[in-house]
Amino acid sequence: MKAIAPVLWGAAVILVALLNIVDVLPDWATIAAILTLPFLAVATGTRCGLRKAA
């Protein structure tokens, strides 16, 4: 995984939080996004590691 990828995932989480603060997103969407983003980050990192090793 490139060094910039964790920064992008962090920015996505912060963006979702800010959208929730200004009431653009409903609460259920915010919770779903915050719970889903780490799993997507792990899945993306795992694929990158496997591609390099092969």
N, C-alpha and C. Protein backbone atom coordinates (compact mmCIF):
# COMPACT_ATOMS: atom_id res chain seq x y z
N MET A 1 0.85 -1.17 0.00
CA MET A 1 0.00 0.00 0.00
C MET A 1 0.90 1.24 0.00
N LYS A 2 0.57 2.17 -0.83
CA LYS A 2 1.34 3.40 -0.87
C LYS A 2 1.15 4.18 0.42
N ALA A 3 2.11 5.05 0.73
CA ALA A 3 2.06 5.81 1.97
C ALA A 3 0.89 6.79 1.98
N ILE A 4 0.39 7.20 0.84
CA ILE A 4 -0.69 8.18 0.79
C ILE A 4 -2.05 7.54 1.07
N ALA A 5 -2.20 6.24 0.88
CA ALA A 5 -3.49 5.57 1.04
C ALA A 5 -4.09 5.73 2.44
N PRO A 6 -3.34 5.55 3.53
CA PRO A 6 -3.93 5.75 4.86
C PRO A 6 -4.42 7.19 5.07
N VAL A 7 -3.73 8.14 4.48
CA VAL A 7 -4.15 9.53 4.58
C VAL A 7 -5.49 9.73 3.87
N LEU A 8 -5.67 9.09 2.73
CA LEU A 8 -6.94 9.20 2.01
C LEU A 8 -8.08 8.56 2.79
N TRP A 9 -7.83 7.41 3.42
CA TRP A 9 -8.87 6.77 4.22
C TRP A 9 -9.22 7.66 5.42
N GLY A 10 -8.22 8.25 6.05
CA GLY A 10 -8.48 9.16 7.16
C GLY A 10 -9.28 10.36 6.71
N ALA A 11 -8.95 10.90 5.55
CA ALA A 11 -9.70 12.04 5.01
C ALA A 11 -11.14 11.66 4.73
N ALA A 12 -11.37 10.45 4.26
CA ALA A 12 -12.74 10.00 4.00
C ALA A 12 -13.55 9.92 5.29
N VAL A 13 -12.93 9.41 6.35
CA VAL A 13 -13.62 9.32 7.64
C VAL A 13 -13.93 10.72 8.17
N ILE A 14 -12.98 11.63 8.06
CA ILE A 14 -13.20 13.01 8.52
C ILE A 14 -14.30 13.68 7.69
N LEU A 15 -14.31 13.45 6.39
CA LEU A 15 -15.34 14.02 5.53
C LEU A 15 -16.73 13.54 5.93
N VAL A 16 -16.85 12.26 6.20
CA VAL A 16 -18.13 11.71 6.64
C VAL A 16 -18.56 12.34 7.96
N ALA A 17 -17.61 12.50 8.88
CA ALA A 17 -17.93 13.12 10.17
C ALA A 17 -18.38 14.57 9.98
N LEU A 18 -17.71 15.31 9.12
CA LEU A 18 -18.10 16.70 8.87
C LEU A 18 -19.47 16.79 8.21
N LEU A 19 -19.76 15.89 7.29
CA LEU A 19 -21.08 15.87 6.67
C LEU A 19 -22.17 15.56 7.69
N ASN A 20 -21.84 14.74 8.67
CA ASN A 20 -22.81 14.45 9.72
C ASN A 20 -23.01 15.68 10.61
N ILE A 21 -21.96 16.42 10.90
CA ILE A 21 -22.07 17.60 11.76
C ILE A 21 -22.99 18.64 11.13
N VAL A 22 -22.89 18.82 9.82
CA VAL A 22 -23.73 19.81 9.15
C VAL A 22 -25.08 19.22 8.71
N ASP A 23 -25.38 18.02 9.17
CA ASP A 23 -26.65 17.34 8.91
C ASP A 23 -26.94 17.10 7.43
N VAL A 24 -25.91 16.80 6.67
CA VAL A 24 -26.11 16.42 5.27
C VAL A 24 -26.44 14.93 5.19
N LEU A 25 -25.77 14.14 6.02
CA LEU A 25 -26.01 12.70 6.05
C LEU A 25 -26.89 12.33 7.24
N PRO A 26 -27.77 11.36 7.07
CA PRO A 26 -28.51 10.87 8.23
C PRO A 26 -27.58 10.06 9.13
N ASP A 27 -27.98 9.87 10.37
CA ASP A 27 -27.12 9.17 11.33
C ASP A 27 -26.79 7.75 10.91
N TRP A 28 -27.75 7.02 10.32
CA TRP A 28 -27.48 5.63 9.94
C TRP A 28 -26.42 5.57 8.84
N ALA A 29 -26.40 6.53 7.94
CA ALA A 29 -25.40 6.53 6.86
C ALA A 29 -24.01 6.80 7.41
N THR A 30 -23.94 7.67 8.39
CA THR A 30 -22.65 7.98 9.01
C THR A 30 -22.10 6.76 9.73
N ILE A 31 -22.94 6.10 10.50
CA ILE A 31 -22.50 4.90 11.22
C ILE A 31 -22.06 3.82 10.24
N ALA A 32 -22.83 3.62 9.19
CA ALA A 32 -22.47 2.61 8.18
C ALA A 32 -21.14 2.95 7.51
N ALA A 33 -20.93 4.20 7.20
CA ALA A 33 -19.68 4.60 6.54
C ALA A 33 -18.48 4.42 7.46
N ILE A 34 -18.62 4.82 8.71
CA ILE A 34 -17.50 4.71 9.65
C ILE A 34 -17.17 3.24 9.92
N LEU A 35 -18.17 2.37 9.94
CA LEU A 35 -17.90 0.95 10.15
C LEU A 35 -17.37 0.27 8.91
N THR A 36 -17.71 0.76 7.73
CA THR A 36 -17.31 0.13 6.48
C THR A 36 -15.92 0.56 6.02
N LEU A 37 -15.56 1.80 6.20
CA LEU A 37 -14.29 2.31 5.68
C LEU A 37 -13.06 1.53 6.17
N PRO A 38 -12.94 1.18 7.45
CA PRO A 38 -11.75 0.40 7.86
C PRO A 38 -11.68 -0.97 7.17
N PHE A 39 -12.83 -1.62 6.97
CA PHE A 39 -12.81 -2.92 6.29
C PHE A 39 -12.37 -2.76 4.83
N LEU A 40 -12.80 -1.71 4.19
CA LEU A 40 -12.36 -1.46 2.81
C LEU A 40 -10.86 -1.15 2.76
N ALA A 41 -10.38 -0.43 3.75
CA ALA A 41 -8.95 -0.13 3.80
C ALA A 41 -8.12 -1.40 3.95
N VAL A 42 -8.56 -2.29 4.82
CA VAL A 42 -7.85 -3.55 5.02
C VAL A 42 -7.89 -4.39 3.75
N ALA A 43 -9.05 -4.46 3.11
CA ALA A 43 -9.18 -5.25 1.88
C ALA A 43 -8.29 -4.69 0.78
N THR A 44 -8.22 -3.38 0.66
CA THR A 44 -7.37 -2.76 -0.36
C THR A 44 -5.91 -3.02 -0.07
N GLY A 45 -5.51 -2.93 1.18
CA GLY A 45 -4.12 -3.17 1.55
C GLY A 45 -3.70 -4.60 1.33
N THR A 46 -4.59 -5.54 1.60
CA THR A 46 -4.28 -6.95 1.42
C THR A 46 -4.06 -7.27 -0.05
N ARG A 47 -4.90 -6.73 -0.92
CA ARG A 47 -4.73 -6.98 -2.36
C ARG A 47 -3.41 -6.41 -2.87
N CYS A 48 -3.05 -5.23 -2.39
CA CYS A 48 -1.80 -4.62 -2.85
C CYS A 48 -0.61 -5.47 -2.42
N GLY A 49 -0.64 -5.99 -1.18
CA GLY A 49 0.45 -6.80 -0.69
C GLY A 49 0.59 -8.11 -1.46
N LEU A 50 -0.53 -8.69 -1.83
CA LEU A 50 -0.48 -9.93 -2.58
C LEU A 50 0.03 -9.71 -4.00
N ARG A 51 -0.31 -8.60 -4.57
CA ARG A 51 0.13 -8.29 -5.93
C ARG A 51 1.65 -8.11 -5.96
N LYS A 52 2.22 -7.46 -4.96
CA LYS A 52 3.66 -7.24 -4.93
C LYS A 52 4.42 -8.53 -4.72
N ALA A 53 3.89 -9.42 -3.87
CA ALA A 53 4.60 -10.66 -3.55
C ALA A 53 4.60 -11.62 -4.74
N ALA A 54 3.59 -11.56 -5.56
CA ALA A 54 3.47 -12.54 -6.65
C ALA A 54 4.41 -12.28 -7.78
